[in-house]
Every structure is written in C-alpha cells, then in structure tokens.
N, C-alpha and C. Protein backbone atom coordinates (compact mmCIF):
# COMPACT_ATOMS: atom_id res chain seq x y z
N MET A 1 5.74 -11.23 16.53
CA MET A 1 4.96 -10.52 15.73
C MET A 1 4.67 -11.23 14.46
N SER A 2 3.56 -11.29 13.77
CA SER A 2 3.23 -12.08 12.51
C SER A 2 3.97 -11.39 11.46
N ILE A 3 4.15 -12.16 10.44
CA ILE A 3 4.86 -11.88 9.22
C ILE A 3 3.85 -10.89 8.49
N SER A 4 2.45 -11.16 8.42
CA SER A 4 1.57 -10.35 7.93
C SER A 4 1.66 -9.01 8.53
N LYS A 5 1.76 -8.82 9.83
CA LYS A 5 1.88 -7.38 10.50
C LYS A 5 3.24 -6.83 10.22
N ASP A 6 4.31 -7.67 10.11
CA ASP A 6 5.62 -7.00 9.66
C ASP A 6 5.65 -6.50 8.38
N ILE A 7 5.04 -7.19 7.41
CA ILE A 7 4.95 -6.79 6.08
C ILE A 7 4.07 -5.50 5.93
N LYS A 8 2.97 -5.47 6.72
CA LYS A 8 2.12 -4.21 6.77
C LYS A 8 2.88 -3.16 7.19
N ASP A 9 3.60 -3.29 8.36
CA ASP A 9 4.43 -2.16 8.93
C ASP A 9 5.49 -1.77 7.89
N LEU A 10 6.08 -2.68 7.18
CA LEU A 10 7.08 -2.29 6.24
C LEU A 10 6.46 -1.47 5.07
N LEU A 11 5.24 -1.85 4.64
CA LEU A 11 4.47 -1.05 3.62
C LEU A 11 4.17 0.34 4.12
N ILE A 12 3.78 0.46 5.39
CA ILE A 12 3.53 1.82 5.91
C ILE A 12 4.68 2.62 5.95
N THR A 13 5.94 2.19 6.46
CA THR A 13 7.16 2.79 6.55
C THR A 13 7.67 3.26 5.17
N THR A 14 7.47 2.33 4.28
CA THR A 14 8.02 2.58 2.84
C THR A 14 7.08 3.70 2.18
N ILE A 15 5.75 3.61 2.33
CA ILE A 15 4.95 4.66 1.81
C ILE A 15 5.11 6.05 2.44
N ASN A 16 5.25 5.98 3.69
CA ASN A 16 5.33 7.17 4.49
C ASN A 16 6.69 7.98 4.16
N ALA A 17 7.67 7.33 3.69
CA ALA A 17 8.89 7.87 3.21
C ALA A 17 8.81 8.59 1.86
N LEU A 18 7.76 8.36 1.20
CA LEU A 18 7.69 8.92 -0.15
C LEU A 18 7.29 10.44 -0.21
N SER A 19 7.80 11.17 -1.18
CA SER A 19 7.59 12.51 -1.07
C SER A 19 6.20 12.95 -1.47
N THR A 20 5.48 12.07 -2.06
CA THR A 20 4.12 12.44 -2.44
C THR A 20 2.88 12.14 -1.47
N THR A 21 3.26 11.62 -0.33
CA THR A 21 2.35 11.30 0.66
C THR A 21 2.36 12.19 1.89
N GLN A 22 1.28 12.64 2.54
CA GLN A 22 1.30 13.38 3.67
C GLN A 22 1.17 12.71 5.04
N SER A 23 0.12 11.68 4.93
CA SER A 23 -0.10 10.73 6.13
C SER A 23 -0.38 9.37 5.60
N VAL A 24 0.00 8.43 6.33
CA VAL A 24 -0.22 7.00 6.14
C VAL A 24 -0.79 6.30 7.38
N TYR A 25 -1.84 5.62 7.24
CA TYR A 25 -2.53 4.92 8.20
C TYR A 25 -2.59 3.42 8.09
N GLY A 26 -2.46 2.63 9.13
CA GLY A 26 -2.77 1.34 8.98
C GLY A 26 -4.13 0.79 9.27
N TYR A 27 -5.08 1.73 8.98
CA TYR A 27 -6.51 1.56 9.06
C TYR A 27 -7.26 2.48 8.31
N GLN A 28 -8.59 2.27 8.17
CA GLN A 28 -9.34 3.26 7.35
C GLN A 28 -9.69 4.49 8.25
N GLU A 29 -8.86 5.46 8.25
CA GLU A 29 -9.12 6.72 9.03
C GLU A 29 -10.10 7.54 8.37
N LEU A 30 -11.27 7.80 8.86
CA LEU A 30 -12.32 8.63 8.22
C LEU A 30 -12.23 10.05 8.35
N ASN A 31 -11.33 10.55 9.23
CA ASN A 31 -11.07 11.96 9.37
C ASN A 31 -9.49 12.21 9.33
N PRO A 32 -8.94 11.95 8.17
CA PRO A 32 -7.48 11.96 7.97
C PRO A 32 -7.03 13.40 7.97
N ASN A 33 -5.74 13.60 8.35
CA ASN A 33 -5.09 14.85 8.19
C ASN A 33 -3.97 14.75 7.19
N GLY A 34 -3.84 15.66 6.32
CA GLY A 34 -2.70 15.55 5.32
C GLY A 34 -3.12 14.97 4.07
N TRP A 35 -2.93 15.61 2.97
CA TRP A 35 -3.33 15.06 1.70
C TRP A 35 -2.17 15.03 0.70
N PRO A 36 -2.07 14.04 -0.08
CA PRO A 36 -2.84 12.91 -0.03
C PRO A 36 -2.56 11.96 1.15
N CYS A 37 -3.57 11.29 1.61
CA CYS A 37 -3.31 10.31 2.61
C CYS A 37 -3.42 8.87 2.09
N VAL A 38 -2.93 7.92 2.87
CA VAL A 38 -2.98 6.62 2.43
C VAL A 38 -3.40 5.57 3.62
N TRP A 39 -4.34 4.64 3.25
CA TRP A 39 -4.74 3.62 4.18
C TRP A 39 -4.07 2.35 3.68
N VAL A 40 -3.47 1.47 4.58
CA VAL A 40 -2.90 0.24 4.43
C VAL A 40 -3.64 -0.78 5.11
N ASN A 41 -4.33 -1.74 4.44
CA ASN A 41 -5.16 -2.70 5.13
C ASN A 41 -4.88 -4.09 4.64
N VAL A 42 -4.71 -5.08 5.60
CA VAL A 42 -4.60 -6.46 5.25
C VAL A 42 -5.79 -6.89 4.34
N ASP A 43 -5.51 -7.69 3.32
CA ASP A 43 -6.58 -8.16 2.55
C ASP A 43 -6.67 -9.73 2.48
N ASP A 44 -5.84 -10.47 2.00
CA ASP A 44 -5.96 -11.86 1.75
C ASP A 44 -4.67 -12.49 2.27
N LEU A 45 -4.83 -13.85 2.48
CA LEU A 45 -3.55 -14.69 2.64
C LEU A 45 -3.95 -15.98 1.96
N GLN A 46 -3.13 -16.33 1.06
CA GLN A 46 -3.16 -17.52 0.27
C GLN A 46 -1.90 -18.38 0.55
N GLY A 47 -2.06 -19.73 0.52
CA GLY A 47 -0.98 -20.59 0.83
C GLY A 47 -1.08 -21.94 -0.01
N THR A 48 0.13 -22.44 -0.48
CA THR A 48 0.34 -23.73 -1.10
C THR A 48 1.61 -24.32 -0.61
N PHE A 49 1.73 -25.68 -0.75
CA PHE A 49 2.99 -26.28 -0.41
C PHE A 49 3.95 -26.15 -1.63
N ALA A 50 5.09 -25.58 -1.38
CA ALA A 50 6.24 -25.48 -2.44
C ALA A 50 6.92 -26.81 -2.52
N THR A 51 7.47 -27.18 -1.25
CA THR A 51 8.23 -28.37 -1.06
C THR A 51 7.95 -29.03 0.26
N THR A 52 8.50 -30.09 0.66
CA THR A 52 8.22 -30.69 1.89
C THR A 52 8.62 -29.71 3.10
N SER A 53 9.48 -28.87 2.79
CA SER A 53 10.03 -27.96 3.94
C SER A 53 9.64 -26.47 3.80
N GLU A 54 8.95 -26.18 2.68
CA GLU A 54 8.62 -24.77 2.41
C GLU A 54 7.18 -24.71 2.03
N ASN A 55 6.46 -23.72 2.61
CA ASN A 55 5.15 -23.33 2.12
C ASN A 55 5.14 -21.96 1.33
N ARG A 56 4.51 -21.99 0.18
CA ARG A 56 4.38 -20.69 -0.46
C ARG A 56 3.33 -19.96 0.06
N ARG A 57 3.49 -18.66 0.50
CA ARG A 57 2.41 -17.90 1.10
C ARG A 57 2.43 -16.57 0.34
N VAL A 58 1.12 -16.04 0.02
CA VAL A 58 0.90 -14.85 -0.55
C VAL A 58 0.13 -13.92 0.25
N TYR A 59 0.73 -12.90 0.65
CA TYR A 59 0.08 -11.93 1.54
C TYR A 59 -0.47 -10.70 0.70
N GLY A 60 -1.78 -10.49 0.91
CA GLY A 60 -2.41 -9.45 0.14
C GLY A 60 -2.76 -8.16 1.07
N TYR A 61 -2.61 -7.04 0.46
CA TYR A 61 -2.87 -5.80 0.99
C TYR A 61 -3.67 -4.90 0.11
N LYS A 62 -4.47 -4.02 0.63
CA LYS A 62 -5.18 -2.97 -0.15
C LYS A 62 -4.64 -1.68 0.38
N VAL A 63 -4.07 -0.99 -0.59
CA VAL A 63 -3.47 0.40 -0.29
C VAL A 63 -4.34 1.32 -0.91
N THR A 64 -4.99 2.27 -0.13
CA THR A 64 -5.88 3.22 -0.65
C THR A 64 -5.40 4.60 -0.46
N SER A 65 -5.22 5.40 -1.62
CA SER A 65 -4.74 6.69 -1.68
C SER A 65 -5.96 7.67 -1.95
N ILE A 66 -6.01 8.74 -1.07
CA ILE A 66 -7.15 9.68 -1.17
C ILE A 66 -6.71 11.06 -1.20
N PHE A 67 -7.54 11.87 -2.03
CA PHE A 67 -7.36 13.32 -2.06
C PHE A 67 -8.72 14.01 -2.05
N PRO A 68 -8.93 14.97 -1.39
CA PRO A 68 -10.21 15.55 -1.15
C PRO A 68 -10.67 16.25 -2.47
N LEU A 69 -12.01 16.25 -2.57
CA LEU A 69 -12.67 16.92 -3.87
C LEU A 69 -13.40 18.18 -3.49
N GLY A 70 -13.20 18.71 -2.14
CA GLY A 70 -13.96 19.89 -1.81
C GLY A 70 -13.21 21.08 -2.17
N GLU A 71 -13.74 22.17 -1.83
CA GLU A 71 -13.32 23.54 -2.20
C GLU A 71 -12.17 24.05 -1.30
N ASP A 72 -11.89 23.19 -0.21
CA ASP A 72 -10.96 23.80 0.89
C ASP A 72 -9.39 23.48 0.56
N PHE A 73 -9.02 22.99 -0.63
CA PHE A 73 -7.65 22.87 -0.82
C PHE A 73 -7.31 23.84 -1.94
N ILE A 74 -6.01 24.17 -1.89
CA ILE A 74 -5.43 25.25 -2.86
C ILE A 74 -4.87 24.57 -4.07
N LYS A 75 -5.41 25.10 -5.26
CA LYS A 75 -4.75 24.58 -6.55
C LYS A 75 -4.47 25.77 -7.39
N ASP A 76 -3.90 25.57 -8.45
CA ASP A 76 -3.37 26.77 -9.22
C ASP A 76 -4.42 27.38 -10.18
N GLY A 77 -5.64 26.70 -10.26
CA GLY A 77 -6.70 27.26 -11.12
C GLY A 77 -6.70 26.80 -12.46
N SER A 78 -5.55 26.15 -12.95
CA SER A 78 -5.45 25.64 -14.24
C SER A 78 -6.29 24.38 -14.59
N VAL A 79 -6.58 23.63 -13.68
CA VAL A 79 -7.34 22.42 -13.85
C VAL A 79 -8.63 22.38 -12.90
N GLN A 80 -9.40 21.49 -13.26
CA GLN A 80 -10.53 21.35 -12.38
C GLN A 80 -10.14 20.46 -11.20
N ARG A 81 -11.12 20.57 -10.09
CA ARG A 81 -10.70 19.81 -8.88
C ARG A 81 -10.59 18.40 -9.10
N GLU A 82 -11.46 17.74 -9.78
CA GLU A 82 -11.41 16.30 -9.88
C GLU A 82 -10.09 15.91 -10.69
N GLU A 83 -9.78 16.72 -11.76
CA GLU A 83 -8.58 16.31 -12.56
C GLU A 83 -7.40 16.57 -11.62
N TYR A 84 -7.23 17.55 -10.91
CA TYR A 84 -6.14 17.88 -10.05
C TYR A 84 -5.92 16.73 -9.10
N ALA A 85 -7.12 16.28 -8.49
CA ALA A 85 -7.00 15.08 -7.63
C ALA A 85 -6.50 13.84 -8.23
N GLU A 86 -6.95 13.65 -9.35
CA GLU A 86 -6.53 12.50 -10.14
C GLU A 86 -5.09 12.55 -10.50
N ASN A 87 -4.60 13.69 -10.92
CA ASN A 87 -3.12 13.90 -11.21
C ASN A 87 -2.21 13.67 -10.03
N VAL A 88 -2.62 14.16 -8.87
CA VAL A 88 -1.93 14.05 -7.63
C VAL A 88 -1.91 12.54 -7.27
N LEU A 89 -3.03 11.85 -7.37
CA LEU A 89 -3.05 10.29 -7.00
C LEU A 89 -2.29 9.53 -8.02
N ALA A 90 -2.29 10.02 -9.30
CA ALA A 90 -1.52 9.05 -10.31
C ALA A 90 0.01 9.08 -9.81
N ASP A 91 0.50 10.28 -9.35
CA ASP A 91 1.93 10.36 -8.95
C ASP A 91 2.08 9.51 -7.68
N VAL A 92 1.16 9.47 -6.80
CA VAL A 92 1.25 8.71 -5.54
C VAL A 92 1.27 7.24 -5.97
N VAL A 93 0.42 6.78 -6.87
CA VAL A 93 0.45 5.34 -7.29
C VAL A 93 1.65 5.03 -7.80
N ASP A 94 2.30 5.72 -8.75
CA ASP A 94 3.49 5.49 -9.48
C ASP A 94 4.67 5.29 -8.44
N GLN A 95 4.74 6.24 -7.40
CA GLN A 95 5.77 6.17 -6.39
C GLN A 95 5.61 4.88 -5.47
N ILE A 96 4.31 4.61 -5.14
CA ILE A 96 4.17 3.41 -4.28
C ILE A 96 4.52 2.21 -5.03
N ILE A 97 4.10 2.00 -6.34
CA ILE A 97 4.40 0.83 -7.03
C ILE A 97 5.95 0.70 -7.25
N ASN A 98 6.62 1.76 -7.59
CA ASN A 98 8.09 1.67 -7.79
C ASN A 98 8.67 1.39 -6.51
N ALA A 99 8.29 1.98 -5.41
CA ALA A 99 8.97 1.63 -4.10
C ALA A 99 8.71 0.16 -3.66
N ILE A 100 7.66 -0.47 -3.90
CA ILE A 100 7.41 -1.81 -3.62
C ILE A 100 8.09 -2.78 -4.63
N ASP A 101 8.12 -2.31 -5.82
CA ASP A 101 8.90 -3.19 -6.85
C ASP A 101 10.36 -3.24 -6.63
N ASP A 102 10.97 -2.30 -5.96
CA ASP A 102 12.38 -2.30 -5.61
C ASP A 102 12.77 -3.55 -4.76
N ASN A 103 13.92 -4.07 -5.23
CA ASN A 103 14.43 -5.22 -4.55
C ASN A 103 14.66 -5.18 -3.13
N SER A 104 14.97 -3.97 -2.63
CA SER A 104 15.29 -3.71 -1.27
C SER A 104 14.13 -3.96 -0.28
N PHE A 105 12.89 -3.74 -0.88
CA PHE A 105 11.62 -4.12 -0.16
C PHE A 105 11.55 -5.60 0.16
N LEU A 106 11.80 -6.41 -0.86
CA LEU A 106 11.83 -7.76 -0.58
C LEU A 106 12.94 -8.31 0.20
N ASP A 107 14.13 -7.52 0.05
CA ASP A 107 15.28 -7.90 1.02
C ASP A 107 14.92 -7.68 2.45
N THR A 108 14.25 -6.74 2.67
CA THR A 108 13.80 -6.37 4.08
C THR A 108 13.01 -7.45 4.72
N ILE A 109 12.07 -8.04 3.84
CA ILE A 109 11.24 -9.16 4.37
C ILE A 109 12.24 -10.32 4.76
N ASN A 110 13.34 -10.57 3.98
CA ASN A 110 14.30 -11.56 4.27
C ASN A 110 15.00 -11.31 5.55
N ASP A 111 15.05 -10.11 6.03
CA ASP A 111 15.78 -9.80 7.29
C ASP A 111 14.88 -9.70 8.50
N PHE A 112 13.70 -10.00 8.43
CA PHE A 112 12.76 -9.94 9.60
C PHE A 112 13.32 -11.01 10.63
N SER A 113 13.15 -10.59 11.82
CA SER A 113 13.70 -11.28 13.04
C SER A 113 13.38 -12.76 13.09
N SER A 114 12.16 -13.15 12.53
CA SER A 114 11.79 -14.52 12.54
C SER A 114 12.78 -15.41 11.69
N GLY A 115 13.24 -14.85 10.64
CA GLY A 115 14.30 -15.58 9.73
C GLY A 115 13.60 -16.79 9.05
N ASP A 116 12.34 -16.91 9.06
CA ASP A 116 11.75 -18.05 8.36
C ASP A 116 10.99 -17.76 7.07
N THR A 117 10.99 -16.51 6.71
CA THR A 117 10.22 -16.14 5.47
C THR A 117 10.99 -15.33 4.61
N THR A 118 11.02 -15.81 3.25
CA THR A 118 11.87 -15.27 2.09
C THR A 118 10.88 -14.48 1.21
N GLY A 119 11.07 -13.28 0.95
CA GLY A 119 10.32 -12.52 -0.03
C GLY A 119 10.82 -12.96 -1.49
N LEU A 120 9.80 -13.38 -2.23
CA LEU A 120 10.07 -13.90 -3.54
C LEU A 120 9.88 -12.86 -4.71
N TYR A 121 8.64 -12.32 -4.67
CA TYR A 121 8.29 -11.20 -5.71
C TYR A 121 6.85 -10.56 -5.36
N VAL A 122 6.64 -9.41 -5.86
CA VAL A 122 5.40 -8.84 -5.82
C VAL A 122 4.68 -8.91 -7.17
N GLU A 123 3.48 -9.26 -7.06
CA GLU A 123 2.69 -9.36 -8.36
C GLU A 123 2.49 -7.90 -9.02
N ALA A 124 2.28 -7.68 -10.26
CA ALA A 124 2.02 -6.37 -10.83
C ALA A 124 0.77 -5.96 -10.14
N ALA A 125 0.74 -4.73 -9.74
CA ALA A 125 -0.34 -4.17 -8.97
C ALA A 125 -1.54 -3.83 -9.85
N ASP A 126 -2.72 -4.23 -9.37
CA ASP A 126 -3.99 -3.77 -9.89
C ASP A 126 -4.61 -2.47 -9.22
N CYS A 127 -5.15 -1.57 -10.02
CA CYS A 127 -5.65 -0.35 -9.32
C CYS A 127 -7.05 -0.15 -9.65
N GLU A 128 -7.90 0.38 -8.77
CA GLU A 128 -9.17 0.64 -8.99
C GLU A 128 -9.43 2.00 -8.43
N TRP A 129 -9.95 2.98 -9.50
CA TRP A 129 -10.33 4.33 -9.16
C TRP A 129 -11.69 4.60 -8.69
N GLY A 130 -11.97 5.43 -7.83
CA GLY A 130 -13.43 5.80 -7.43
C GLY A 130 -13.39 7.06 -6.63
N VAL A 131 -14.49 7.24 -6.01
CA VAL A 131 -14.84 8.39 -5.09
C VAL A 131 -15.22 7.69 -3.71
N ILE A 132 -14.72 8.28 -2.65
CA ILE A 132 -15.03 7.71 -1.34
C ILE A 132 -15.57 8.80 -0.35
N ASP A 133 -16.42 8.44 0.53
CA ASP A 133 -17.06 9.33 1.56
C ASP A 133 -16.15 9.19 2.86
N MET A 134 -15.94 10.49 3.29
CA MET A 134 -15.26 10.68 4.63
C MET A 134 -15.89 11.63 5.47
N GLU A 135 -15.61 11.79 6.71
CA GLU A 135 -16.17 12.84 7.55
C GLU A 135 -16.07 14.25 7.01
N LYS A 136 -15.01 14.50 6.30
CA LYS A 136 -14.69 15.75 5.66
C LYS A 136 -15.29 15.97 4.27
N GLY A 137 -16.04 15.05 3.82
CA GLY A 137 -16.66 15.16 2.48
C GLY A 137 -16.23 13.98 1.60
N LYS A 138 -16.30 14.27 0.38
CA LYS A 138 -15.91 13.35 -0.75
C LYS A 138 -14.38 13.38 -1.08
N GLY A 139 -13.78 12.32 -1.50
CA GLY A 139 -12.48 12.37 -2.04
C GLY A 139 -12.43 11.46 -3.11
N LYS A 140 -11.38 11.72 -4.01
CA LYS A 140 -10.94 10.91 -5.09
C LYS A 140 -10.08 9.72 -4.45
N ALA A 141 -10.36 8.61 -4.86
CA ALA A 141 -9.55 7.48 -4.36
C ALA A 141 -9.02 6.47 -5.35
N VAL A 142 -7.95 5.87 -5.01
CA VAL A 142 -7.43 4.83 -5.81
C VAL A 142 -7.03 3.78 -4.88
N GLN A 143 -7.42 2.55 -5.21
CA GLN A 143 -7.03 1.37 -4.42
C GLN A 143 -6.06 0.55 -5.10
N ILE A 144 -4.94 0.30 -4.47
CA ILE A 144 -3.98 -0.61 -5.21
C ILE A 144 -4.01 -1.98 -4.47
N SER A 145 -4.13 -3.04 -5.28
CA SER A 145 -4.06 -4.37 -4.64
C SER A 145 -2.63 -5.03 -4.80
N LEU A 146 -2.02 -5.24 -3.63
CA LEU A 146 -0.63 -5.70 -3.65
C LEU A 146 -0.71 -7.08 -3.08
N MET A 147 -0.02 -8.07 -3.86
CA MET A 147 0.11 -9.44 -3.59
C MET A 147 1.60 -9.83 -3.41
N ILE A 148 2.03 -10.11 -2.25
CA ILE A 148 3.43 -10.25 -1.91
C ILE A 148 3.64 -11.78 -1.78
N HIS A 149 4.46 -12.45 -2.75
CA HIS A 149 4.72 -13.92 -2.57
C HIS A 149 6.02 -14.09 -1.81
N THR A 150 5.81 -15.11 -0.72
CA THR A 150 6.88 -15.44 0.06
C THR A 150 7.03 -17.00 0.08
N ASP A 151 8.14 -17.38 0.64
CA ASP A 151 8.29 -18.81 1.02
C ASP A 151 8.56 -18.83 2.48
N TYR A 152 7.78 -19.66 3.19
CA TYR A 152 7.92 -19.85 4.61
C TYR A 152 8.61 -21.10 4.79
N ASN A 153 9.74 -21.16 5.54
CA ASN A 153 10.49 -22.38 5.84
C ASN A 153 10.01 -22.94 7.11
N ILE A 154 9.26 -24.16 7.01
CA ILE A 154 8.78 -24.79 8.13
C ILE A 154 9.63 -25.63 8.98
N SER A 155 10.93 -25.64 8.63
CA SER A 155 11.83 -26.44 9.31
C SER A 155 12.66 -25.59 10.29
N THR A 156 12.48 -24.22 10.35
CA THR A 156 13.26 -23.57 11.31
C THR A 156 12.51 -23.26 12.50
C-alpha cells in the first residue's frame, strides 16, 4: 500500500472516532448519510531532498465537513439554520485539527508496515468556508487543508 493511501486511511479512522462526526468518506459522496459528514480526499504531494539518504515529502489532503441547510433536520429553535450549521461545523473543525495535531497521529505514521517513512509535523491547517450542492440539497461546508510533512528513507 502507498504511504499516501495509508495516511488517508489513518485520517479517516481518526476522524471517524470523533464524537462530532456521523459519517466519514474517502471520496466525495453526493448522497451522504449522517450529519455532519466528512469527505477526505488526497490533494497534493510535494518533495525535496533532505539528505543523500532521505527525501522530504509533504502529503496534502482536503478534509471537507458538511452539514445540511434544509428544513429536514431538528434544531432547538434558538438559532437560524445557517448559524446552527456553522456552529456544528466549527466544533467538527476544532476536533479534527486537535486530533491531527496530537503526537500519536504522527507516531502512527512511523509505525506503518513499510517502515521507511517518519512523520515529522503537520502544518497549521487552513480552512475555507462555503456552501456545497448535494443530491439532498445545499449544505454548509468547511474545507480543511492538511499538509503532513514526512521524511522518506531511501536506503531501506
């Protein structure tokens, strides 16, 4: 399995374990079940030489969290739909970023079976808010850009 896929699977597992997410997909599911839902997609791969035996690799991922804006979800009536969706997604974003910033996330990369990749750090996450079209209607969405820095040992 590729390191890119291994890290993506680790992201999905980590996000799926959070109390604020209902469903996590490794692709852009246009008819999701469970709110809020999350899509994890591979974004970029960057690389440079660190030393003669190591390559610095940066794996990028887009993590999109979505909550519906339609009338079909239950809220307590104290806030408008869009504000409620934004509040829910703000909690999701905080939990995702906190889980990825945890050292155990990088330690898991170090334990991959290939044994040739070391997780160094995750860049501070950028987030972009917006509205997305799905089969079930419109949803409030926030996309987190994650850049995970690693060293790949070319001598193993």
